[in-house]
Amino acid sequence: QVQLVESGGGLVQAGGSLRLSCAASGRAFSYYSMGWFRQAPGKERDFVAAISWSVSTYYTESVKGRFTISRDNAKNSVYLQMNSLKPEDTAVYYCAAVAARVGWDPHRVNEYTSWGQGTQVTVSS
């Protein structure tokens, strides 16, 4: 498994941008599929975006066209560029990882075996 550390969260006004980073420790990062999830107070942890080991990308409908997930295997890192932020994007954002496997469903929380501690994103109106 890998260990994950998120950074880049903060307070931003609606319409602004943030870039989240997730640094992974451990070997063979390039063979891991990575995801970003978010959890608002009192709500379940929801899928935001994912990028497979083969660099296929997936997004939840509400962030398409605003968020971009990317990875840099040389830096063992995955990123989430968030533009045109809305108050409803306010949540704790978590990075997650799973070793590449057939039949992976990027949207499901329990598909991932490693999680970061989370980083708070607050969007003010």
C-alpha atoms as a PDB file:
ATOM      1  CA  GLN A   1       0.000   0.000   0.000  1.00  0.00           C
ATOM      2  CA  VAL A   2       0.951   3.634  -0.323  1.00  0.00           C
ATOM      3  CA  GLN A   3       0.705   6.426   2.194  1.00  0.00           C
ATOM      4  CA  LEU A   4      -0.986   9.599   1.026  1.00  0.00           C
ATOM      5  CA  VAL A   5      -0.708  13.221   2.139  1.00  0.00           C
ATOM      6  CA  GLU A   6      -2.997  15.911   0.741  1.00  0.00           C
ATOM      7  CA  SER A   7      -2.282  19.629   0.615  1.00  0.00           C
ATOM      8  CA  GLY A   8      -3.585  22.758  -1.055  1.00  0.00           C
ATOM      9  CA  GLY A   9      -6.926  23.241   0.618  1.00  0.00           C
ATOM     10  CA  GLY A  10      -8.098  26.577   1.951  1.00  0.00           C
ATOM     11  CA  LEU A  11     -10.688  29.326   1.886  1.00  0.00           C
ATOM     12  CA  VAL A  12     -11.627  30.830  -1.465  1.00  0.00           C
ATOM     13  CA  GLN A  13     -14.430  32.986  -2.788  1.00  0.00           C
ATOM     14  CA  ALA A  14     -16.975  31.609  -5.198  1.00  0.00           C
ATOM     15  CA  GLY A  15     -15.580  31.639  -8.711  1.00  0.00           C
ATOM     16  CA  GLY A  16     -12.036  31.178  -7.490  1.00  0.00           C
ATOM     17  CA  SER A  17      -9.590  28.339  -7.953  1.00  0.00           C
ATOM     18  CA  LEU A  18      -7.575  25.933  -5.842  1.00  0.00           C
ATOM     19  CA  ARG A  19      -5.154  23.172  -6.700  1.00  0.00           C
ATOM     20  CA  LEU A  20      -5.048  20.154  -4.433  1.00  0.00           C
ATOM     21  CA  SER A  21      -2.010  17.922  -4.327  1.00  0.00           C
ATOM     22  CA  CYS A  22      -1.626  14.390  -3.061  1.00  0.00           C
ATOM     23  CA  ALA A  23       1.850  13.021  -2.458  1.00  0.00           C
ATOM     24  CA  ALA A  24       2.271   9.257  -2.277  1.00  0.00           C
ATOM     25  CA  SER A  25       5.025   7.316  -0.601  1.00  0.00           C
ATOM     26  CA  GLY A  26       5.982   3.826  -1.588  1.00  0.00           C
ATOM     27  CA  ARG A  27       7.004   2.082  -4.740  1.00  0.00           C
ATOM     28  CA  ALA A  28       5.309   1.556  -8.072  1.00  0.00           C
ATOM     29  CA  PHE A  29       3.091   4.631  -7.857  1.00  0.00           C
ATOM     30  CA  SER A  30       2.577   4.446 -11.618  1.00  0.00           C
ATOM     31  CA  TYR A  31       0.659   1.184 -11.141  1.00  0.00           C
ATOM     32  CA  TYR A  32      -1.856   2.760  -8.805  1.00  0.00           C
ATOM     33  CA  SER A  33      -5.184   4.236  -9.766  1.00  0.00           C
ATOM     34  CA  MET A  34      -5.982   7.383  -7.820  1.00  0.00           C
ATOM     35  CA  GLY A  35      -9.161   9.095  -6.752  1.00  0.00           C
ATOM     36  CA  TRP A  36     -10.410  12.247  -5.094  1.00  0.00           C
ATOM     37  CA  PHE A  37     -13.454  12.138  -2.844  1.00  0.00           C
ATOM     38  CA  ARG A  38     -15.107  14.785  -0.686  1.00  0.00           C
ATOM     39  CA  GLN A  39     -17.202  14.778   2.426  1.00  0.00           C
ATOM     40  CA  ALA A  40     -19.359  17.635   3.650  1.00  0.00           C
ATOM     41  CA  PRO A  41     -20.512  17.785   7.282  1.00  0.00           C
ATOM     42  CA  GLY A  42     -23.248  15.261   7.956  1.00  0.00           C
ATOM     43  CA  LYS A  43     -22.979  13.714   4.504  1.00  0.00           C
ATOM     44  CA  GLU A  44     -21.418  10.638   2.996  1.00  0.00           C
ATOM     45  CA  ARG A  45     -18.069  10.607   1.295  1.00  0.00           C
ATOM     46  CA  ASP A  46     -18.692  11.210  -2.400  1.00  0.00           C
ATOM     47  CA  PHE A  47     -16.684  10.573  -5.538  1.00  0.00           C
ATOM     48  CA  VAL A  48     -15.216  13.638  -7.254  1.00  0.00           C
ATOM     49  CA  ALA A  49     -12.641  12.472  -9.811  1.00  0.00           C
ATOM     50  CA  ALA A  50     -10.274   9.622 -10.561  1.00  0.00           C
ATOM     51  CA  ILE A  51      -7.356   8.809 -12.813  1.00  0.00           C
ATOM     52  CA  SER A  52      -6.338   5.285 -13.626  1.00  0.00           C
ATOM     53  CA  TRP A  53      -2.824   3.918 -13.878  1.00  0.00           C
ATOM     54  CA  SER A  54      -3.319   4.168 -17.669  1.00  0.00           C
ATOM     55  CA  VAL A  55      -4.338   7.838 -17.310  1.00  0.00           C
ATOM     56  CA  SER A  56      -8.019   7.430 -18.044  1.00  0.00           C
ATOM     57  CA  THR A  57      -9.986  10.081 -16.174  1.00  0.00           C
ATOM     58  CA  TYR A  58     -13.408  10.064 -14.558  1.00  0.00           C
ATOM     59  CA  TYR A  59     -15.489  12.876 -13.037  1.00  0.00           C
ATOM     60  CA  THR A  60     -18.707  13.258 -11.176  1.00  0.00           C
ATOM     61  CA  GLU A  61     -21.218  15.212 -13.236  1.00  0.00           C
ATOM     62  CA  SER A  62     -21.250  18.304 -11.013  1.00  0.00           C
ATOM     63  CA  VAL A  63     -17.541  19.028 -11.527  1.00  0.00           C
ATOM     64  CA  LYS A  64     -17.154  18.263 -15.214  1.00  0.00           C
ATOM     65  CA  GLY A  65     -15.686  21.241 -17.035  1.00  0.00           C
ATOM     66  CA  ARG A  66     -14.543  22.828 -13.761  1.00  0.00           C
ATOM     67  CA  PHE A  67     -12.177  20.287 -12.180  1.00  0.00           C
ATOM     68  CA  THR A  68      -9.214  18.521 -13.759  1.00  0.00           C
ATOM     69  CA  ILE A  69      -7.392  15.537 -12.313  1.00  0.00           C
ATOM     70  CA  SER A  70      -3.824  14.807 -13.356  1.00  0.00           C
ATOM     71  CA  ARG A  71      -0.838  12.814 -12.179  1.00  0.00           C
ATOM     72  CA  ASP A  72       2.928  13.078 -12.271  1.00  0.00           C
ATOM     73  CA  ASN A  73       4.439   9.644 -11.772  1.00  0.00           C
ATOM     74  CA  ALA A  74       7.946  11.081 -11.543  1.00  0.00           C
ATOM     75  CA  LYS A  75       6.820  13.004  -8.462  1.00  0.00           C
ATOM     76  CA  ASN A  76       4.539  10.282  -7.059  1.00  0.00           C
ATOM     77  CA  SER A  77       1.759  12.831  -7.042  1.00  0.00           C
ATOM     78  CA  VAL A  78      -1.789  13.385  -8.181  1.00  0.00           C
ATOM     79  CA  TYR A  79      -3.465  16.762  -8.488  1.00  0.00           C
ATOM     80  CA  LEU A  80      -6.954  18.201  -8.588  1.00  0.00           C
ATOM     81  CA  GLN A  81      -7.238  21.594 -10.269  1.00  0.00           C
ATOM     82  CA  MET A  82     -10.512  23.165  -9.182  1.00  0.00           C
ATOM     83  CA  ASN A  83     -11.805  26.185 -11.075  1.00  0.00           C
ATOM     84  CA  SER A  84     -15.059  28.141 -10.894  1.00  0.00           C
ATOM     85  CA  LEU A  85     -15.571  26.953  -7.349  1.00  0.00           C
ATOM     86  CA  LYS A  86     -19.034  27.070  -5.839  1.00  0.00           C
ATOM     87  CA  PRO A  87     -20.164  27.106  -2.192  1.00  0.00           C
ATOM     88  CA  GLU A  88     -21.513  23.582  -2.684  1.00  0.00           C
ATOM     89  CA  ASP A  89     -17.945  22.404  -3.333  1.00  0.00           C
ATOM     90  CA  THR A  90     -17.168  23.061   0.340  1.00  0.00           C
ATOM     91  CA  ALA A  91     -16.007  19.821   1.955  1.00  0.00           C
ATOM     92  CA  VAL A  92     -13.036  17.891   3.217  1.00  0.00           C
ATOM     93  CA  TYR A  93     -11.280  16.453   0.162  1.00  0.00           C
ATOM     94  CA  TYR A  94      -9.607  13.063   0.393  1.00  0.00           C
ATOM     95  CA  CYS A  95      -7.079  11.422  -1.870  1.00  0.00           C
ATOM     96  CA  ALA A  96      -7.330   7.646  -2.326  1.00  0.00           C
ATOM     97  CA  ALA A  97      -5.310   4.942  -4.041  1.00  0.00           C
ATOM     98  CA  VAL A  98      -5.685   1.366  -5.202  1.00  0.00           C
ATOM     99  CA  ALA A  99      -3.302  -0.915  -7.057  1.00  0.00           C
ATOM    100  CA  ALA A 100      -4.369  -1.397 -10.642  1.00  0.00           C
ATOM    101  CA  ARG A 101      -6.806  -4.231 -11.130  1.00  0.00           C
ATOM    102  CA  VAL A 102      -9.362  -5.478 -13.628  1.00  0.00           C
ATOM    103  CA  GLY A 103     -12.896  -4.375 -12.944  1.00  0.00           C
ATOM    104  CA  TRP A 104     -11.994  -1.323 -10.855  1.00  0.00           C
ATOM    105  CA  ASP A 105     -14.955   0.989 -10.313  1.00  0.00           C
ATOM    106  CA  PRO A 106     -13.481   4.469  -9.732  1.00  0.00           C
ATOM    107  CA  HIS A 107     -16.675   5.834  -8.173  1.00  0.00           C
ATOM    108  CA  ARG A 108     -16.901   3.521  -5.180  1.00  0.00           C
ATOM    109  CA  VAL A 109     -15.310   4.367  -1.825  1.00  0.00           C
ATOM    110  CA  ASN A 110     -14.617   0.755  -0.968  1.00  0.00           C
ATOM    111  CA  GLU A 111     -12.619   0.174  -4.160  1.00  0.00           C
ATOM    112  CA  TYR A 112      -9.692   2.089  -2.626  1.00  0.00           C
ATOM    113  CA  THR A 113      -7.223   0.657  -0.131  1.00  0.00           C
ATOM    114  CA  SER A 114      -5.277   3.732   0.955  1.00  0.00           C
ATOM    115  CA  TRP A 115      -6.567   7.130   2.067  1.00  0.00           C
ATOM    116  CA  GLY A 116      -5.060  10.445   3.022  1.00  0.00           C
ATOM    117  CA  GLN A 117      -6.044  12.480   6.055  1.00  0.00           C
ATOM    118  CA  GLY A 118      -8.025  15.021   4.048  1.00  0.00           C
ATOM    119  CA  THR A 119      -7.746  18.725   3.328  1.00  0.00           C
ATOM    120  CA  GLN A 120     -10.479  21.293   3.952  1.00  0.00           C
ATOM    121  CA  VAL A 121     -11.844  23.316   1.058  1.00  0.00           C
ATOM    122  CA  THR A 122     -14.200  26.156   1.942  1.00  0.00           C
ATOM    123  CA  VAL A 123     -15.874  28.259  -0.743  1.00  0.00           C
ATOM    124  CA  SER A 124     -17.560  31.440   0.449  1.00  0.00           C
ATOM    125  CA  SER A 125     -20.448  33.022  -1.392  1.00  0.00           C
END
